[in-house]
N, C-alpha and C. Protein backbone atom coordinates (compact mmCIF):
# COMPACT_ATOMS: atom_id res chain seq x y z
N MET A 1 35.22 21.20 25.23
CA MET A 1 34.55 21.08 23.95
C MET A 1 33.75 22.37 23.70
N THR A 2 33.96 22.96 22.56
CA THR A 2 33.22 24.18 22.21
C THR A 2 31.82 23.81 21.71
N GLU A 3 30.96 24.83 21.59
CA GLU A 3 29.61 24.59 21.09
C GLU A 3 29.65 24.03 19.67
N LEU A 4 30.57 24.55 18.86
CA LEU A 4 30.69 24.08 17.49
C LEU A 4 31.14 22.62 17.45
N ASP A 5 32.07 22.25 18.31
CA ASP A 5 32.50 20.86 18.39
C ASP A 5 31.34 19.96 18.81
N PHE A 6 30.52 20.45 19.74
CA PHE A 6 29.37 19.68 20.20
C PHE A 6 28.37 19.48 19.05
N ILE A 7 28.10 20.53 18.29
CA ILE A 7 27.16 20.42 17.16
C ILE A 7 27.70 19.44 16.12
N LYS A 8 29.01 19.48 15.87
CA LYS A 8 29.62 18.54 14.93
C LYS A 8 29.47 17.10 15.43
N HIS A 9 29.65 16.92 16.73
CA HIS A 9 29.51 15.60 17.33
C HIS A 9 28.07 15.08 17.18
N VAL A 10 27.10 15.93 17.47
CA VAL A 10 25.68 15.56 17.37
C VAL A 10 25.32 15.27 15.91
N ALA A 11 25.75 16.13 15.00
CA ALA A 11 25.45 15.93 13.58
C ALA A 11 26.05 14.61 13.08
N GLY A 12 27.25 14.31 13.49
CA GLY A 12 27.88 13.05 13.10
C GLY A 12 27.12 11.85 13.62
N GLY A 13 26.66 11.92 14.86
CA GLY A 13 25.87 10.84 15.43
C GLY A 13 24.55 10.64 14.70
N LEU A 14 23.88 11.75 14.38
CA LEU A 14 22.63 11.65 13.62
C LEU A 14 22.87 11.05 12.24
N GLU A 15 23.91 11.47 11.59
CA GLU A 15 24.22 10.93 10.26
C GLU A 15 24.43 9.42 10.32
N ARG A 16 25.19 8.96 11.30
CA ARG A 16 25.44 7.52 11.43
C ARG A 16 24.15 6.77 11.75
N SER A 17 23.33 7.33 12.62
CA SER A 17 22.08 6.67 12.99
C SER A 17 21.12 6.57 11.81
N TYR A 18 20.95 7.67 11.10
CA TYR A 18 20.03 7.65 9.97
C TYR A 18 20.56 6.85 8.79
N SER A 19 21.86 6.75 8.66
CA SER A 19 22.44 5.89 7.64
C SER A 19 22.10 4.43 7.94
N ALA A 20 22.20 4.04 9.21
CA ALA A 20 21.85 2.68 9.60
C ALA A 20 20.35 2.43 9.42
N LEU A 21 19.52 3.40 9.80
CA LEU A 21 18.08 3.23 9.63
C LEU A 21 17.69 3.11 8.16
N GLY A 22 18.40 3.81 7.30
CA GLY A 22 18.12 3.75 5.87
C GLY A 22 18.34 2.37 5.27
N LYS A 23 19.08 1.54 5.97
CA LYS A 23 19.34 0.18 5.49
C LYS A 23 18.38 -0.83 6.12
N SER A 24 17.44 -0.35 6.93
CA SER A 24 16.50 -1.24 7.61
C SER A 24 15.37 -1.65 6.67
N HIS A 25 14.56 -2.62 7.12
CA HIS A 25 13.43 -3.07 6.29
C HIS A 25 12.29 -2.07 6.28
N TRP A 26 12.33 -1.06 7.12
CA TRP A 26 11.27 -0.06 7.17
C TRP A 26 11.34 0.91 5.99
N ILE A 27 12.53 1.16 5.52
CA ILE A 27 12.73 2.19 4.51
C ILE A 27 13.18 1.56 3.21
N LYS A 28 12.34 1.67 2.20
CA LYS A 28 12.70 1.19 0.86
C LYS A 28 13.34 2.36 0.11
N PRO A 29 14.39 2.09 -0.66
CA PRO A 29 15.04 3.18 -1.39
C PRO A 29 14.10 3.78 -2.44
N PRO A 30 14.27 5.06 -2.72
CA PRO A 30 13.43 5.68 -3.75
C PRO A 30 13.75 5.10 -5.13
N GLN A 31 12.75 5.12 -6.00
CA GLN A 31 12.90 4.61 -7.35
C GLN A 31 12.92 5.77 -8.34
N TRP A 32 13.68 5.61 -9.41
CA TRP A 32 13.76 6.64 -10.44
C TRP A 32 12.45 6.68 -11.23
N ARG A 33 11.92 7.88 -11.40
CA ARG A 33 10.70 8.13 -12.16
C ARG A 33 11.07 8.94 -13.40
N PRO A 34 11.19 8.28 -14.55
CA PRO A 34 11.61 9.00 -15.75
C PRO A 34 10.65 10.13 -16.14
N THR A 35 9.34 9.94 -15.94
CA THR A 35 8.40 10.99 -16.32
C THR A 35 8.55 12.23 -15.45
N GLU A 36 8.93 12.04 -14.19
CA GLU A 36 9.13 13.17 -13.28
C GLU A 36 10.59 13.61 -13.24
N GLU A 37 11.45 12.79 -13.81
CA GLU A 37 12.89 13.03 -13.83
C GLU A 37 13.47 13.24 -12.43
N GLN A 38 13.06 12.38 -11.51
CA GLN A 38 13.58 12.42 -10.15
C GLN A 38 13.28 11.11 -9.44
N PHE A 39 13.93 10.91 -8.31
CA PHE A 39 13.69 9.74 -7.49
C PHE A 39 12.48 9.99 -6.60
N ARG A 40 11.63 8.98 -6.42
CA ARG A 40 10.45 9.07 -5.57
C ARG A 40 10.28 7.76 -4.80
N HIS A 41 9.73 7.87 -3.60
CA HIS A 41 9.39 6.68 -2.82
C HIS A 41 8.06 6.13 -3.32
N GLU A 42 7.98 4.81 -3.44
CA GLU A 42 6.77 4.16 -3.94
C GLU A 42 5.63 4.21 -2.94
N THR A 43 5.94 3.98 -1.68
CA THR A 43 4.89 3.92 -0.66
C THR A 43 5.14 4.98 0.39
N GLN A 44 4.08 5.32 1.07
CA GLN A 44 4.20 6.31 2.12
C GLN A 44 3.70 5.72 3.43
N HIS A 45 4.35 6.06 4.49
CA HIS A 45 3.90 5.67 5.82
C HIS A 45 4.59 6.57 6.83
N ASP A 46 4.10 6.49 8.04
CA ASP A 46 4.60 7.39 9.07
C ASP A 46 6.08 7.17 9.37
N CYS A 47 6.56 5.95 9.28
CA CYS A 47 7.98 5.70 9.54
C CYS A 47 8.86 6.36 8.49
N LEU A 48 8.41 6.36 7.24
CA LEU A 48 9.16 7.04 6.19
C LEU A 48 9.18 8.55 6.45
N LEU A 49 8.05 9.10 6.86
CA LEU A 49 7.99 10.53 7.18
C LEU A 49 8.98 10.86 8.29
N ILE A 50 8.96 10.08 9.35
CA ILE A 50 9.86 10.34 10.48
C ILE A 50 11.32 10.19 10.02
N TYR A 51 11.59 9.18 9.23
CA TYR A 51 12.96 8.97 8.73
C TYR A 51 13.43 10.16 7.90
N LEU A 52 12.63 10.57 6.92
CA LEU A 52 13.04 11.66 6.04
C LEU A 52 13.14 12.99 6.78
N LYS A 53 12.27 13.21 7.76
CA LYS A 53 12.37 14.44 8.56
C LYS A 53 13.67 14.40 9.38
N GLY A 54 14.04 13.23 9.87
CA GLY A 54 15.30 13.10 10.62
C GLY A 54 16.52 13.31 9.75
N VAL A 55 16.47 12.80 8.52
CA VAL A 55 17.57 13.03 7.58
C VAL A 55 17.69 14.53 7.32
N ARG A 56 16.56 15.19 7.22
CA ARG A 56 16.58 16.65 7.03
C ARG A 56 17.23 17.34 8.23
N TRP A 57 16.95 16.83 9.43
CA TRP A 57 17.58 17.39 10.64
C TRP A 57 19.09 17.33 10.53
N ALA A 58 19.61 16.16 10.15
CA ALA A 58 21.06 16.00 10.03
C ALA A 58 21.61 16.97 8.98
N SER A 59 20.90 17.12 7.89
CA SER A 59 21.33 18.05 6.85
C SER A 59 21.32 19.49 7.35
N LEU A 60 20.28 19.88 8.07
CA LEU A 60 20.19 21.24 8.59
C LEU A 60 21.27 21.52 9.63
N LEU A 61 21.60 20.51 10.43
CA LEU A 61 22.69 20.68 11.39
C LEU A 61 24.02 20.91 10.66
N ASN A 62 24.24 20.16 9.58
CA ASN A 62 25.46 20.36 8.80
C ASN A 62 25.48 21.75 8.16
N ALA A 63 24.34 22.21 7.68
CA ALA A 63 24.26 23.56 7.12
C ALA A 63 24.55 24.60 8.20
N SER A 64 24.06 24.36 9.41
CA SER A 64 24.32 25.27 10.53
C SER A 64 25.81 25.35 10.85
N ILE A 65 26.47 24.22 10.78
CA ILE A 65 27.92 24.18 11.04
C ILE A 65 28.65 25.05 10.02
N ILE A 66 28.28 24.90 8.77
CA ILE A 66 28.93 25.70 7.71
C ILE A 66 28.69 27.19 7.95
N LEU A 67 27.45 27.55 8.29
CA LEU A 67 27.14 28.96 8.55
C LEU A 67 27.90 29.49 9.77
N LEU A 68 27.98 28.69 10.82
CA LEU A 68 28.71 29.11 12.02
C LEU A 68 30.19 29.33 11.72
N GLU A 69 30.77 28.40 10.99
CA GLU A 69 32.19 28.51 10.67
C GLU A 69 32.47 29.74 9.80
N ALA A 70 31.47 30.15 9.01
CA ALA A 70 31.64 31.34 8.16
C ALA A 70 31.25 32.62 8.88
N GLY A 71 30.74 32.48 10.12
CA GLY A 71 30.37 33.66 10.90
C GLY A 71 28.97 34.19 10.64
N HIS A 72 28.13 33.43 9.98
CA HIS A 72 26.76 33.85 9.68
C HIS A 72 25.79 33.33 10.74
N VAL A 73 25.87 33.88 11.91
CA VAL A 73 25.10 33.38 13.05
C VAL A 73 23.61 33.68 12.89
N HIS A 74 23.25 34.86 12.43
CA HIS A 74 21.83 35.23 12.34
C HIS A 74 21.07 34.38 11.33
N GLU A 75 21.74 33.90 10.30
CA GLU A 75 21.09 33.12 9.27
C GLU A 75 20.66 31.73 9.77
N ILE A 76 21.18 31.31 10.89
CA ILE A 76 20.86 29.99 11.42
C ILE A 76 19.42 29.94 11.95
N GLY A 77 18.84 31.09 12.23
CA GLY A 77 17.48 31.14 12.76
C GLY A 77 16.47 30.43 11.89
N ILE A 78 16.55 30.62 10.58
CA ILE A 78 15.60 29.96 9.67
C ILE A 78 15.78 28.45 9.71
N LEU A 79 17.03 28.00 9.85
CA LEU A 79 17.27 26.56 9.94
C LEU A 79 16.67 26.00 11.23
N CYS A 80 16.77 26.77 12.30
CA CYS A 80 16.17 26.34 13.57
C CYS A 80 14.66 26.22 13.45
N ARG A 81 14.04 27.16 12.74
CA ARG A 81 12.58 27.08 12.54
C ARG A 81 12.20 25.86 11.71
N CYS A 82 12.98 25.55 10.69
CA CYS A 82 12.72 24.36 9.88
C CYS A 82 12.85 23.09 10.72
N MET A 83 13.87 23.06 11.57
CA MET A 83 14.06 21.90 12.44
C MET A 83 12.91 21.77 13.43
N ASP A 84 12.43 22.89 13.95
CA ASP A 84 11.32 22.87 14.88
C ASP A 84 10.06 22.32 14.23
N GLU A 85 9.77 22.77 13.02
CA GLU A 85 8.59 22.27 12.31
C GLU A 85 8.70 20.78 12.03
N SER A 86 9.88 20.33 11.62
CA SER A 86 10.08 18.91 11.36
C SER A 86 9.89 18.09 12.63
N PHE A 87 10.41 18.61 13.73
CA PHE A 87 10.29 17.88 15.00
C PHE A 87 8.84 17.78 15.44
N GLU A 88 8.05 18.83 15.23
CA GLU A 88 6.63 18.77 15.56
C GLU A 88 5.93 17.68 14.75
N ASP A 89 6.26 17.59 13.47
CA ASP A 89 5.67 16.54 12.63
C ASP A 89 6.09 15.15 13.12
N MET A 90 7.36 15.00 13.48
CA MET A 90 7.85 13.72 13.97
C MET A 90 7.13 13.32 15.26
N LEU A 91 6.97 14.27 16.18
CA LEU A 91 6.30 13.97 17.45
C LEU A 91 4.84 13.59 17.25
N LEU A 92 4.21 14.16 16.25
CA LEU A 92 2.81 13.85 15.97
C LEU A 92 2.62 12.36 15.71
N PHE A 93 3.59 11.73 15.07
CA PHE A 93 3.46 10.31 14.73
C PHE A 93 4.01 9.39 15.81
N ILE A 94 4.74 9.93 16.74
CA ILE A 94 5.19 9.11 17.87
C ILE A 94 4.06 8.98 18.89
N ARG A 95 3.23 9.99 18.97
CA ARG A 95 2.11 9.96 19.90
C ARG A 95 1.11 8.89 19.49
N ASN A 96 0.20 8.57 20.41
CA ASN A 96 -0.79 7.54 20.15
C ASN A 96 -1.65 7.86 18.94
N LEU A 97 -2.05 6.81 18.26
CA LEU A 97 -2.99 6.96 17.17
C LEU A 97 -4.39 7.14 17.77
N GLY A 98 -5.37 7.34 16.92
CA GLY A 98 -6.75 7.52 17.37
C GLY A 98 -7.33 6.22 17.92
N GLN A 99 -8.64 6.19 18.04
CA GLN A 99 -9.32 5.02 18.59
C GLN A 99 -9.06 3.78 17.74
N GLU A 100 -8.89 2.66 18.41
CA GLU A 100 -8.66 1.36 17.78
C GLU A 100 -7.47 1.37 16.82
N GLY A 101 -6.46 2.17 17.10
CA GLY A 101 -5.24 2.18 16.32
C GLY A 101 -5.33 2.90 14.99
N GLU A 102 -6.45 3.54 14.72
CA GLU A 102 -6.60 4.29 13.47
C GLU A 102 -5.88 5.63 13.59
N PRO A 103 -5.36 6.15 12.47
CA PRO A 103 -4.71 7.46 12.53
C PRO A 103 -5.71 8.57 12.82
N THR A 104 -5.26 9.58 13.50
CA THR A 104 -6.11 10.74 13.77
C THR A 104 -6.23 11.57 12.50
N LYS A 105 -7.19 12.48 12.47
CA LYS A 105 -7.36 13.37 11.31
C LYS A 105 -6.10 14.20 11.09
N GLU A 106 -5.50 14.67 12.18
CA GLU A 106 -4.28 15.48 12.07
C GLU A 106 -3.13 14.66 11.49
N GLN A 107 -2.99 13.40 11.91
CA GLN A 107 -1.94 12.54 11.37
C GLN A 107 -2.17 12.30 9.88
N GLU A 108 -3.40 12.06 9.49
CA GLU A 108 -3.70 11.86 8.07
C GLU A 108 -3.40 13.12 7.26
N ARG A 109 -3.75 14.28 7.80
CA ARG A 109 -3.52 15.54 7.09
C ARG A 109 -2.02 15.77 6.87
N VAL A 110 -1.24 15.59 7.92
CA VAL A 110 0.21 15.83 7.82
C VAL A 110 0.84 14.83 6.85
N LEU A 111 0.43 13.58 6.92
CA LEU A 111 0.99 12.56 6.03
C LEU A 111 0.62 12.85 4.57
N LYS A 112 -0.59 13.31 4.33
CA LYS A 112 -1.00 13.65 2.95
C LYS A 112 -0.23 14.86 2.43
N GLU A 113 -0.05 15.87 3.28
CA GLU A 113 0.75 17.04 2.86
C GLU A 113 2.17 16.62 2.52
N PHE A 114 2.73 15.79 3.37
CA PHE A 114 4.09 15.30 3.16
C PHE A 114 4.18 14.50 1.86
N SER A 115 3.20 13.65 1.62
CA SER A 115 3.25 12.78 0.46
C SER A 115 3.10 13.55 -0.84
N ARG A 116 2.37 14.64 -0.83
CA ARG A 116 2.21 15.43 -2.06
C ARG A 116 3.56 15.93 -2.58
N SER A 117 4.46 16.24 -1.67
CA SER A 117 5.74 16.79 -2.11
C SER A 117 6.86 15.75 -2.20
N ASN A 118 6.66 14.58 -1.61
CA ASN A 118 7.76 13.62 -1.53
C ASN A 118 7.51 12.26 -2.16
N LEU A 119 6.26 11.93 -2.47
CA LEU A 119 5.94 10.57 -2.87
C LEU A 119 5.07 10.54 -4.12
N THR A 120 4.93 9.34 -4.70
CA THR A 120 4.14 9.21 -5.91
C THR A 120 2.70 8.80 -5.63
N THR A 121 2.44 8.11 -4.52
CA THR A 121 1.08 7.67 -4.20
C THR A 121 0.53 8.53 -3.07
N HIS A 122 -0.77 8.47 -2.88
CA HIS A 122 -1.39 9.36 -1.89
C HIS A 122 -2.33 8.62 -0.94
N GLN A 123 -1.97 7.43 -0.52
CA GLN A 123 -2.80 6.69 0.41
C GLN A 123 -2.12 6.67 1.76
N CYS A 124 -2.82 7.12 2.80
CA CYS A 124 -2.25 7.21 4.15
C CYS A 124 -2.11 5.82 4.74
N GLN A 125 -0.96 5.53 5.29
CA GLN A 125 -0.73 4.28 5.99
C GLN A 125 0.03 4.58 7.26
N CYS A 126 -0.61 4.41 8.39
CA CYS A 126 0.05 4.65 9.68
C CYS A 126 0.22 3.33 10.40
N TYR A 127 1.41 3.10 10.92
CA TYR A 127 1.67 1.91 11.71
C TYR A 127 1.24 2.16 13.16
N ARG A 128 1.12 1.08 13.90
CA ARG A 128 0.79 1.21 15.32
C ARG A 128 1.95 1.91 16.02
N PRO A 129 1.68 2.65 17.10
CA PRO A 129 2.74 3.40 17.79
C PRO A 129 3.91 2.53 18.24
N GLU A 130 3.64 1.28 18.61
CA GLU A 130 4.73 0.43 19.08
C GLU A 130 5.77 0.23 17.99
N SER A 131 5.33 0.09 16.73
CA SER A 131 6.28 -0.13 15.66
C SER A 131 7.10 1.13 15.38
N VAL A 132 6.48 2.30 15.54
CA VAL A 132 7.22 3.55 15.35
C VAL A 132 8.28 3.69 16.43
N ILE A 133 7.90 3.39 17.66
CA ILE A 133 8.86 3.49 18.76
C ILE A 133 9.98 2.47 18.57
N GLU A 134 9.62 1.26 18.12
CA GLU A 134 10.64 0.25 17.85
C GLU A 134 11.58 0.75 16.76
N TYR A 135 11.03 1.38 15.74
CA TYR A 135 11.81 1.91 14.62
C TYR A 135 12.76 3.01 15.09
N LEU A 136 12.27 3.89 15.95
CA LEU A 136 13.09 5.03 16.40
C LEU A 136 14.12 4.62 17.43
N GLY A 137 13.86 3.55 18.14
CA GLY A 137 14.82 3.09 19.12
C GLY A 137 14.51 3.56 20.53
N PRO A 138 15.26 3.06 21.49
CA PRO A 138 14.98 3.33 22.89
C PRO A 138 15.14 4.80 23.29
N SER A 139 15.93 5.56 22.56
CA SER A 139 16.12 6.96 22.95
C SER A 139 14.84 7.75 22.81
N CYS A 140 14.00 7.42 21.85
CA CYS A 140 12.74 8.14 21.67
C CYS A 140 11.59 7.47 22.41
N ALA A 141 11.77 6.25 22.86
CA ALA A 141 10.71 5.54 23.55
C ALA A 141 10.32 6.24 24.85
N GLN A 142 11.21 7.04 25.39
CA GLN A 142 10.93 7.74 26.64
C GLN A 142 10.01 8.94 26.44
N LEU A 143 9.80 9.36 25.19
CA LEU A 143 8.91 10.48 24.92
C LEU A 143 7.54 10.06 25.27
């Protein structure tokens, strides 16, 4: 198996996983906002952030495949940086919350930044870490 075949295999697995997660009770589909002329999520929470960052990962992997097949190897660097930043945000919400299950200041800040660009409301809602791990599945529970 070549490296490109491996990346295609990983991207396909991520796509299937996130497609299944998108049908779960954790993720509500975005609603059309005529005033903004785009789809927006009604509520925000850490599971939605992790889900959307993961969908972005799958998309960036597919973009990397296209660039590799076209021979544009150096251009993949920016995609890798985007994936790295997304992964850091995802890990922030997998880690323990603050005292008594409350979100930390850093978690609130990242969720608010995320919501400004992706959502219509701006109220932070973080679930307990167990629910995030349950949402992500056993592969991430080992983190």
